[in-house]
Amino acid sequence: MDPHPPAAVEGRTPERRPAPGAVRPRERGAWGILLVPYAMGMLATWPPRDLPGAAVGLLLVFALFIAQAALLPWLSGEQARARAREAAGWSLLVVAAAIVLACRVGLRPLGPVGAAAAALLSLHLLARSERGRRDVWAQWSGAAGLSLSGALAVVTQDPAELRLAWLVWGLAALYFTAGISLVRSCIAARAAQSPLRRARGVRGAVAWHAGAAFLYAAGAGAGLLPWSVPVTFLPALARLGWYLRKPRLDLSPRQLGWREVLLSMVFAAGALGFPLLP
């Protein structure tokens, strides 16, 4: 699930399409949204209890990520036969890894995570099937789906901790959807001609960040989350304030994506507080 589908940039030479059988997700931000929640899940259950299981889980999310990247051009009719073969190959790897993981941790903890992943993947593919359009629902469903890697990491280490698995997923999904709203705002602000339109463009990002900050703080106050979570969200709030001062940043979407990945790594460190909860 790629929440940041590549878009053509006017005036730039289009990139050469990859040869059939060589589809790979190219968005750095999408890789970050896949791997950072997985790291959060591992940190939340620190120290690791099943490293082979963690490796199989990582292989599963990696293969699923590549498989959906091959499915998208197949659904849009581009090099359909070659893409179908590649999607089938990666899907077989997904099934094999899922079987191995089910034998290690059981179907009961994997079932809810798998059902949520199937639902979000279907929504994402539906929103992206029309020529890879950059739709907000495609981006949000992609971020929420990729963030499920954090829930999977938790159940590979402790199958009984389903509540913690959903907490990690919720934290990551909320963080990354807020980040996506900000990146979209900054890209839109670069094209806006008036200060009023630029201000309207960042309202959604402000609302997402305010809501996330409130939920993180409320969860920590209720004892559901460690205080390290809202603390590590502070750099993201500082970044929001900086962007609000300079909404028309001279940054490319790729540069914005890299900044978001680095900040998400800081936020992921907040999961270290989970093992210290009473």
Foldseek 3Di string as FASTA:
>chain_A
DDLDFDDDDPPDDDDDDDDQLDQDDDAPLLVLLQVLLLLLLPLLLPPFDDVVLSVLLSLLLRLVRRLLSLVQCLLLPHVVVSSVVNSVVSVVSNVVSVVVNCVQQNCVLVVVLVVLLVVLSVQLSVVCNNPRDNDLSNNLSSSLNSSLSNLSSNCSRPVVPNVVSVVSSVLSSLLVNLLVLLLQLLVVLLVDDDPVVSVVSCPVSVVSLVVSLVVLVVCCVVLNFPPLQSVLCVVVVVVSVVCVVPSNDPDDSSRSSVVSSVSSNSNSVSSNCNVVRD
